[in-house]
Amino acid sequence: MRPANDWLDRLPTDRLLAEMSLWSADLGRMSEEIARVDGLTDLYHLDVADGHFSPDLLLFPDLVRLIRSRTAKPLHVHLMVSDDILTGQIRQFADSGADAISIHAENRRLDEGLALIAELGLVAGIVLQLATPVAAVEGHLDRIGILTLLGTRIGVKGQGLDDQAPARIGEAGAMIARAGLPRRILLAADGGNREHTVPSLRGAGAETVVLGSLAFEAPDFPARMAWLHALPADV
């Protein structure tokens, strides 16, 4: 099961997208969790961490392979791994069924990683930690299809959104617009996405938000998604 090759261009542009973080799903019931949310999911966000670059050990290739067999929606793998294993991890998760792989601007082998992702025929993305200036990725925009800005410290669940996160989203959106590239760059907000913070991120220009407990623990999942889709781009 896979999306069409032009899946990025097919994503809606007239509403906020729902990027479901499967780290927040019930991992013991992954197939059931995907079936429950798949109809209202635009793409899935798969966090991968090695316990060094990020403090946790997160999703692994065999689990991503299982996820791939359960959905035709795009799989966006977010790699939080050290430089010495970066290219090996890119290859493993490409083989496991990823449609997009994002790596960190803080990786020293960023250029090499982006080149490999493109060589493998996947959408490349860059992720920025809070302390990294948005302008750090300006020279790489022509190589990516997704730009993700973290709104919390890396790899730790349950944190509140940093106060600077909406302004950084706005800065990134303006930078993308100035670049005037002929293809889409999806602007994503990841971390600290709660009912009281998502409106400000959307208002600042986020096109997709990574949803964890906000989606998976919603008492009425369809109603939560209807609320998300109705959020205006300018507030």
C-alpha atoms as a PDB file:
ATOM      1  CA  MET A   1       0.000   0.000   0.000  1.00  0.00           C
ATOM      2  CA  ARG A   2       1.464   3.335  -1.078  1.00  0.00           C
ATOM      3  CA  PRO A   3       0.249   6.811  -2.003  1.00  0.00           C
ATOM      4  CA  ALA A   4       0.608   8.192  -5.519  1.00  0.00           C
ATOM      5  CA  ASN A   5       4.074   9.474  -6.421  1.00  0.00           C
ATOM      6  CA  ASP A   6       2.786  13.068  -6.421  1.00  0.00           C
ATOM      7  CA  TRP A   7       1.193  12.718  -2.977  1.00  0.00           C
ATOM      8  CA  LEU A   8       2.733  15.947  -1.667  1.00  0.00           C
ATOM      9  CA  ASP A   9       1.106  18.028  -4.400  1.00  0.00           C
ATOM     10  CA  ARG A  10      -2.216  16.249  -3.825  1.00  0.00           C
ATOM     11  CA  LEU A  11      -2.474  17.249  -0.164  1.00  0.00           C
ATOM     12  CA  PRO A  12      -5.214  19.860   0.438  1.00  0.00           C
ATOM     13  CA  THR A  13      -4.157  23.495   0.463  1.00  0.00           C
ATOM     14  CA  ASP A  14      -7.421  25.001   1.740  1.00  0.00           C
ATOM     15  CA  ARG A  15      -7.254  23.733   5.343  1.00  0.00           C
ATOM     16  CA  LEU A  16      -4.857  22.692   8.091  1.00  0.00           C
ATOM     17  CA  LEU A  17      -3.526  19.176   7.546  1.00  0.00           C
ATOM     18  CA  ALA A  18      -3.588  16.420  10.153  1.00  0.00           C
ATOM     19  CA  GLU A  19      -0.202  14.701  10.508  1.00  0.00           C
ATOM     20  CA  MET A  20      -0.757  11.865  12.983  1.00  0.00           C
ATOM     21  CA  SER A  21       2.154  10.970  15.230  1.00  0.00           C
ATOM     22  CA  LEU A  22       2.065   7.207  15.677  1.00  0.00           C
ATOM     23  CA  TRP A  23       4.437   7.500  18.632  1.00  0.00           C
ATOM     24  CA  SER A  24       1.297   8.592  20.515  1.00  0.00           C
ATOM     25  CA  ALA A  25      -0.825   5.659  19.326  1.00  0.00           C
ATOM     26  CA  ASP A  26      -1.317   2.483  21.357  1.00  0.00           C
ATOM     27  CA  LEU A  27       1.704   0.618  20.028  1.00  0.00           C
ATOM     28  CA  GLY A  28       0.243  -2.726  21.099  1.00  0.00           C
ATOM     29  CA  ARG A  29      -2.796  -2.092  18.902  1.00  0.00           C
ATOM     30  CA  MET A  30      -1.143  -0.351  15.980  1.00  0.00           C
ATOM     31  CA  SER A  31      -3.315  -1.881  13.263  1.00  0.00           C
ATOM     32  CA  GLU A  32      -6.511  -0.940  15.112  1.00  0.00           C
ATOM     33  CA  GLU A  33      -5.243   2.575  15.814  1.00  0.00           C
ATOM     34  CA  ILE A  34      -4.440   3.175  12.147  1.00  0.00           C
ATOM     35  CA  ALA A  35      -7.857   1.859  11.111  1.00  0.00           C
ATOM     36  CA  ARG A  36      -9.502   4.213  13.622  1.00  0.00           C
ATOM     37  CA  VAL A  37      -7.834   7.407  12.369  1.00  0.00           C
ATOM     38  CA  ASP A  38      -6.913   6.634   8.759  1.00  0.00           C
ATOM     39  CA  GLY A  39      -9.969   8.169   7.130  1.00  0.00           C
ATOM     40  CA  LEU A  40      -9.200  11.590   8.616  1.00  0.00           C
ATOM     41  CA  THR A  41      -5.410  11.441   8.419  1.00  0.00           C
ATOM     42  CA  ASP A  42      -3.527  13.373   5.742  1.00  0.00           C
ATOM     43  CA  LEU A  43      -0.144  11.845   6.502  1.00  0.00           C
ATOM     44  CA  TYR A  44       1.514   9.908   9.315  1.00  0.00           C
ATOM     45  CA  HIS A  45       4.477  11.196  11.314  1.00  0.00           C
ATOM     46  CA  LEU A  46       6.925   8.518  12.452  1.00  0.00           C
ATOM     47  CA  ASP A  47       9.499   9.608  15.025  1.00  0.00           C
ATOM     48  CA  VAL A  48      12.770   7.688  14.952  1.00  0.00           C
ATOM     49  CA  ALA A  49      15.477   8.294  17.565  1.00  0.00           C
ATOM     50  CA  ASP A  50      18.695   6.535  18.512  1.00  0.00           C
ATOM     51  CA  GLY A  51      19.017   7.481  22.197  1.00  0.00           C
ATOM     52  CA  HIS A  52      22.025   9.723  21.419  1.00  0.00           C
ATOM     53  CA  PHE A  53      20.928  12.591  19.162  1.00  0.00           C
ATOM     54  CA  SER A  54      17.601  12.424  21.025  1.00  0.00           C
ATOM     55  CA  PRO A  55      17.267  10.975  24.549  1.00  0.00           C
ATOM     56  CA  ASP A  56      14.661   8.340  23.676  1.00  0.00           C
ATOM     57  CA  LEU A  57      14.650   5.196  21.567  1.00  0.00           C
ATOM     58  CA  LEU A  58      11.639   5.446  19.289  1.00  0.00           C
ATOM     59  CA  LEU A  59      10.146   3.672  16.256  1.00  0.00           C
ATOM     60  CA  PHE A  60      12.136   1.061  14.356  1.00  0.00           C
ATOM     61  CA  PRO A  61      12.158  -0.250  10.747  1.00  0.00           C
ATOM     62  CA  ASP A  62      10.082  -3.416  11.236  1.00  0.00           C
ATOM     63  CA  LEU A  63       7.295  -1.429  12.875  1.00  0.00           C
ATOM     64  CA  VAL A  64       7.358   1.075  10.016  1.00  0.00           C
ATOM     65  CA  ARG A  65       7.113  -1.857   7.600  1.00  0.00           C
ATOM     66  CA  LEU A  66       3.988  -3.061   9.437  1.00  0.00           C
ATOM     67  CA  ILE A  67       2.516   0.459   9.324  1.00  0.00           C
ATOM     68  CA  ARG A  68       3.211   0.607   5.582  1.00  0.00           C
ATOM     69  CA  SER A  69       1.168  -2.564   5.089  1.00  0.00           C
ATOM     70  CA  ARG A  70      -1.826  -1.023   6.887  1.00  0.00           C
ATOM     71  CA  THR A  71      -2.219   2.318   5.093  1.00  0.00           C
ATOM     72  CA  ALA A  72      -1.824   3.983   1.720  1.00  0.00           C
ATOM     73  CA  LYS A  73      -1.397   7.400   3.358  1.00  0.00           C
ATOM     74  CA  PRO A  74       2.046   9.044   3.144  1.00  0.00           C
ATOM     75  CA  LEU A  75       4.566   8.053   5.837  1.00  0.00           C
ATOM     76  CA  HIS A  76       6.809  10.912   6.969  1.00  0.00           C
ATOM     77  CA  VAL A  77       9.794   9.600   8.953  1.00  0.00           C
ATOM     78  CA  HIS A  78      11.472  12.120  11.267  1.00  0.00           C
ATOM     79  CA  LEU A  79      15.032  10.910  11.897  1.00  0.00           C
ATOM     80  CA  MET A  80      16.652  12.035  15.145  1.00  0.00           C
ATOM     81  CA  VAL A  81      19.918  10.121  14.823  1.00  0.00           C
ATOM     82  CA  SER A  82      23.640  10.737  15.076  1.00  0.00           C
ATOM     83  CA  ASP A  83      25.724  11.501  12.000  1.00  0.00           C
ATOM     84  CA  ASP A  84      27.624   8.217  12.119  1.00  0.00           C
ATOM     85  CA  ILE A  85      24.440   6.232  11.400  1.00  0.00           C
ATOM     86  CA  LEU A  86      22.477   8.829   9.431  1.00  0.00           C
ATOM     87  CA  THR A  87      22.849   7.406   5.927  1.00  0.00           C
ATOM     88  CA  GLY A  88      22.334   3.833   7.110  1.00  0.00           C
ATOM     89  CA  GLN A  89      19.114   4.841   8.843  1.00  0.00           C
ATOM     90  CA  ILE A  90      17.904   6.690   5.756  1.00  0.00           C
ATOM     91  CA  ARG A  91      18.367   3.520   3.712  1.00  0.00           C
ATOM     92  CA  GLN A  92      16.672   1.306   6.306  1.00  0.00           C
ATOM     93  CA  PHE A  93      13.576   3.466   6.587  1.00  0.00           C
ATOM     94  CA  ALA A  94      13.371   3.952   2.832  1.00  0.00           C
ATOM     95  CA  ASP A  95      13.368   0.152   2.520  1.00  0.00           C
ATOM     96  CA  SER A  96      10.681  -0.045   5.223  1.00  0.00           C
ATOM     97  CA  GLY A  97       8.232   2.075   3.229  1.00  0.00           C
ATOM     98  CA  ALA A  98       8.820   5.744   4.026  1.00  0.00           C
ATOM     99  CA  ASP A  99       7.523   8.284   1.516  1.00  0.00           C
ATOM    100  CA  ALA A 100       9.334  11.233   3.078  1.00  0.00           C
ATOM    101  CA  ILE A 101      12.339  11.388   5.384  1.00  0.00           C
ATOM    102  CA  SER A 102      13.232  14.506   7.342  1.00  0.00           C
ATOM    103  CA  ILE A 103      16.627  14.976   8.941  1.00  0.00           C
ATOM    104  CA  HIS A 104      17.911  17.666  11.241  1.00  0.00           C
ATOM    105  CA  ALA A 105      19.557  20.910  10.239  1.00  0.00           C
ATOM    106  CA  GLU A 106      21.866  20.208  13.173  1.00  0.00           C
ATOM    107  CA  ASN A 107      23.256  17.062  11.526  1.00  0.00           C
ATOM    108  CA  ARG A 108      26.764  17.710  10.197  1.00  0.00           C
ATOM    109  CA  ARG A 109      26.025  15.358   7.278  1.00  0.00           C
ATOM    110  CA  LEU A 110      22.890  17.262   6.271  1.00  0.00           C
ATOM    111  CA  ASP A 111      23.927  17.728   2.632  1.00  0.00           C
ATOM    112  CA  GLU A 112      24.878  14.077   2.244  1.00  0.00           C
ATOM    113  CA  GLY A 113      21.619  12.970   3.849  1.00  0.00           C
ATOM    114  CA  LEU A 114      19.456  15.176   1.631  1.00  0.00           C
ATOM    115  CA  ALA A 115      21.250  13.919  -1.460  1.00  0.00           C
ATOM    116  CA  LEU A 116      20.668  10.296  -0.476  1.00  0.00           C
ATOM    117  CA  ILE A 117      16.964  10.843   0.243  1.00  0.00           C
ATOM    118  CA  ALA A 118      16.552  12.386  -3.220  1.00  0.00           C
ATOM    119  CA  GLU A 119      18.554   9.565  -4.808  1.00  0.00           C
ATOM    120  CA  LEU A 120      16.172   7.056  -3.216  1.00  0.00           C
ATOM    121  CA  GLY A 121      13.203   8.845  -4.788  1.00  0.00           C
ATOM    122  CA  LEU A 122      11.672  10.141  -1.553  1.00  0.00           C
ATOM    123  CA  VAL A 123      10.548  13.596  -0.445  1.00  0.00           C
ATOM    124  CA  ALA A 124      13.325  15.157   1.640  1.00  0.00           C
ATOM    125  CA  GLY A 125      12.658  17.326   4.654  1.00  0.00           C
ATOM    126  CA  ILE A 126      14.563  19.344   7.240  1.00  0.00           C
ATOM    127  CA  VAL A 127      13.699  19.691  10.929  1.00  0.00           C
ATOM    128  CA  LEU A 128      14.819  22.649  13.053  1.00  0.00           C
ATOM    129  CA  GLN A 129      15.306  22.550  16.799  1.00  0.00           C
ATOM    130  CA  LEU A 130      14.245  25.585  18.804  1.00  0.00           C
ATOM    131  CA  ALA A 131      17.753  26.990  19.181  1.00  0.00           C
ATOM    132  CA  THR A 132      18.560  26.798  15.453  1.00  0.00           C
ATOM    133  CA  PRO A 133      17.848  29.994  13.485  1.00  0.00           C
ATOM    134  CA  VAL A 134      15.202  29.595  10.802  1.00  0.00           C
ATOM    135  CA  ALA A 135      17.549  31.232   8.299  1.00  0.00           C
ATOM    136  CA  ALA A 136      19.934  28.283   8.666  1.00  0.00           C
ATOM    137  CA  VAL A 137      17.934  26.315   6.084  1.00  0.00           C
ATOM    138  CA  GLU A 138      17.423  29.078   3.514  1.00  0.00           C
ATOM    139  CA  GLY A 139      20.125  27.698   1.221  1.00  0.00           C
ATOM    140  CA  HIS A 140      18.538  24.230   1.242  1.00  0.00           C
ATOM    141  CA  LEU A 141      14.950  25.102   0.348  1.00  0.00           C
ATOM    142  CA  ASP A 142      15.311  23.998  -3.263  1.00  0.00           C
ATOM    143  CA  ARG A 143      16.137  20.470  -2.040  1.00  0.00           C
ATOM    144  CA  ILE A 144      13.212  19.827   0.294  1.00  0.00           C
ATOM    145  CA  GLY A 145       9.468  19.308   0.255  1.00  0.00           C
ATOM    146  CA  ILE A 146       8.828  19.574   4.013  1.00  0.00           C
ATOM    147  CA  LEU A 147      10.171  22.032   6.583  1.00  0.00           C
ATOM    148  CA  THR A 148       9.352  21.127  10.192  1.00  0.00           C
ATOM    149  CA  LEU A 149       9.877  23.464  13.134  1.00  0.00           C
ATOM    150  CA  LEU A 150       9.959  21.994  16.620  1.00  0.00           C
ATOM    151  CA  GLY A 151       8.025  23.913  19.245  1.00  0.00           C
ATOM    152  CA  THR A 152       9.439  21.953  22.190  1.00  0.00           C
ATOM    153  CA  ARG A 153      12.730  20.356  23.216  1.00  0.00           C
ATOM    154  CA  ILE A 154      13.579  17.350  21.119  1.00  0.00           C
ATOM    155  CA  GLY A 155      12.246  13.890  21.907  1.00  0.00           C
ATOM    156  CA  VAL A 156      10.363  14.565  25.160  1.00  0.00           C
ATOM    157  CA  LYS A 157       6.592  14.068  25.365  1.00  0.00           C
ATOM    158  CA  GLY A 158       4.149  16.318  27.173  1.00  0.00           C
ATOM    159  CA  GLN A 159       5.961  19.662  27.011  1.00  0.00           C
ATOM    160  CA  GLY A 160       4.235  22.994  26.577  1.00  0.00           C
ATOM    161  CA  LEU A 161       4.711  25.007  23.395  1.00  0.00           C
ATOM    162  CA  ASP A 162       7.640  27.414  23.523  1.00  0.00           C
ATOM    163  CA  ASP A 163       6.582  31.068  23.301  1.00  0.00           C
ATOM    164  CA  GLN A 164       8.739  31.703  20.228  1.00  0.00           C
ATOM    165  CA  ALA A 165       7.238  28.872  18.170  1.00  0.00           C
ATOM    166  CA  PRO A 166       4.458  30.826  16.347  1.00  0.00           C
ATOM    167  CA  ALA A 167       6.848  33.630  15.374  1.00  0.00           C
ATOM    168  CA  ARG A 168       9.330  31.092  14.029  1.00  0.00           C
ATOM    169  CA  ILE A 169       6.576  29.519  11.900  1.00  0.00           C
ATOM    170  CA  GLY A 170       5.753  32.966  10.528  1.00  0.00           C
ATOM    171  CA  GLU A 171       9.421  33.619   9.751  1.00  0.00           C
ATOM    172  CA  ALA A 172       9.738  30.272   7.967  1.00  0.00           C
ATOM    173  CA  GLY A 173       6.610  30.901   5.910  1.00  0.00           C
ATOM    174  CA  ALA A 174       7.903  34.302   4.798  1.00  0.00           C
ATOM    175  CA  MET A 175      11.252  32.759   3.883  1.00  0.00           C
ATOM    176  CA  ILE A 176       9.570  30.079   1.747  1.00  0.00           C
ATOM    177  CA  ALA A 177       7.411  32.692   0.030  1.00  0.00           C
ATOM    178  CA  ARG A 178      10.462  34.857  -0.772  1.00  0.00           C
ATOM    179  CA  ALA A 179      12.227  31.881  -2.339  1.00  0.00           C
ATOM    180  CA  GLY A 180       9.502  31.671  -4.995  1.00  0.00           C
ATOM    181  CA  LEU A 181      10.194  28.013  -5.738  1.00  0.00           C
ATOM    182  CA  PRO A 182       8.033  26.256  -8.359  1.00  0.00           C
ATOM    183  CA  ARG A 183       7.108  23.360  -6.073  1.00  0.00           C
ATOM    184  CA  ARG A 184       5.441  23.029  -2.734  1.00  0.00           C
ATOM    185  CA  ILE A 185       7.258  23.094   0.604  1.00  0.00           C
ATOM    186  CA  LEU A 186       4.965  21.909   3.372  1.00  0.00           C
ATOM    187  CA  LEU A 187       5.451  23.938   6.570  1.00  0.00           C
ATOM    188  CA  ALA A 188       4.946  21.787   9.669  1.00  0.00           C
ATOM    189  CA  ALA A 189       4.700  22.506  13.397  1.00  0.00           C
ATOM    190  CA  ASP A 190       5.784  19.662  15.667  1.00  0.00           C
ATOM    191  CA  GLY A 191       5.618  19.570  19.455  1.00  0.00           C
ATOM    192  CA  GLY A 192       3.370  21.213  22.027  1.00  0.00           C
ATOM    193  CA  ASN A 193       0.304  20.976  19.793  1.00  0.00           C
ATOM    194  CA  ARG A 194      -2.673  21.359  22.100  1.00  0.00           C
ATOM    195  CA  GLU A 195      -6.187  22.706  21.699  1.00  0.00           C
ATOM    196  CA  HIS A 196      -5.095  26.146  22.944  1.00  0.00           C
ATOM    197  CA  THR A 197      -1.863  26.321  20.888  1.00  0.00           C
ATOM    198  CA  VAL A 198      -2.773  24.953  17.462  1.00  0.00           C
ATOM    199  CA  PRO A 199      -4.869  28.044  16.499  1.00  0.00           C
ATOM    200  CA  SER A 200      -1.863  30.347  16.943  1.00  0.00           C
ATOM    201  CA  LEU A 201       0.384  28.028  14.920  1.00  0.00           C
ATOM    202  CA  ARG A 202      -2.187  27.850  12.139  1.00  0.00           C
ATOM    203  CA  GLY A 203      -2.590  31.612  12.271  1.00  0.00           C
ATOM    204  CA  ALA A 204       1.162  32.004  11.918  1.00  0.00           C
ATOM    205  CA  GLY A 205       1.148  29.935   8.734  1.00  0.00           C
ATOM    206  CA  ALA A 206       1.553  26.274   9.700  1.00  0.00           C
ATOM    207  CA  GLU A 207       0.137  24.033   6.965  1.00  0.00           C
ATOM    208  CA  THR A 208       0.288  20.823   8.969  1.00  0.00           C
ATOM    209  CA  VAL A 209       0.544  20.078  12.676  1.00  0.00           C
ATOM    210  CA  VAL A 210       1.885  16.873  14.182  1.00  0.00           C
ATOM    211  CA  LEU A 211      -0.891  15.450  16.335  1.00  0.00           C
ATOM    212  CA  GLY A 212      -0.315  13.146  19.276  1.00  0.00           C
ATOM    213  CA  SER A 213      -2.643  13.033  22.273  1.00  0.00           C
ATOM    214  CA  LEU A 214      -4.741  15.838  20.769  1.00  0.00           C
ATOM    215  CA  ALA A 215      -5.978  13.298  18.234  1.00  0.00           C
ATOM    216  CA  PHE A 216      -5.496   9.877  19.792  1.00  0.00           C
ATOM    217  CA  GLU A 217      -6.981  10.841  23.162  1.00  0.00           C
ATOM    218  CA  ALA A 218      -9.805  12.975  21.784  1.00  0.00           C
ATOM    219  CA  PRO A 219     -13.176  11.957  23.299  1.00  0.00           C
ATOM    220  CA  ASP A 220     -14.770  12.505  19.863  1.00  0.00           C
ATOM    221  CA  PHE A 221     -12.151  12.026  17.152  1.00  0.00           C
ATOM    222  CA  PRO A 222     -14.295  13.140  14.160  1.00  0.00           C
ATOM    223  CA  ALA A 223     -15.334  16.290  16.027  1.00  0.00           C
ATOM    224  CA  ARG A 224     -11.700  17.072  16.871  1.00  0.00           C
ATOM    225  CA  MET A 225     -10.749  16.749  13.216  1.00  0.00           C
ATOM    226  CA  ALA A 226     -13.662  18.935  12.121  1.00  0.00           C
ATOM    227  CA  TRP A 227     -12.414  21.608  14.568  1.00  0.00           C
ATOM    228  CA  LEU A 228      -8.877  21.288  13.209  1.00  0.00           C
ATOM    229  CA  HIS A 229      -9.984  21.604   9.584  1.00  0.00           C
ATOM    230  CA  ALA A 230     -12.004  24.730  10.336  1.00  0.00           C
ATOM    231  CA  LEU A 231      -9.153  26.704  11.911  1.00  0.00           C
ATOM    232  CA  PRO A 232      -8.451  29.858   9.888  1.00  0.00           C
ATOM    233  CA  ALA A 233      -5.016  30.593   8.459  1.00  0.00           C
ATOM    234  CA  ASP A 234      -5.067  34.113   9.905  1.00  0.00           C
ATOM    235  CA  VAL A 235      -6.192  34.766  13.473  1.00  0.00           C
END
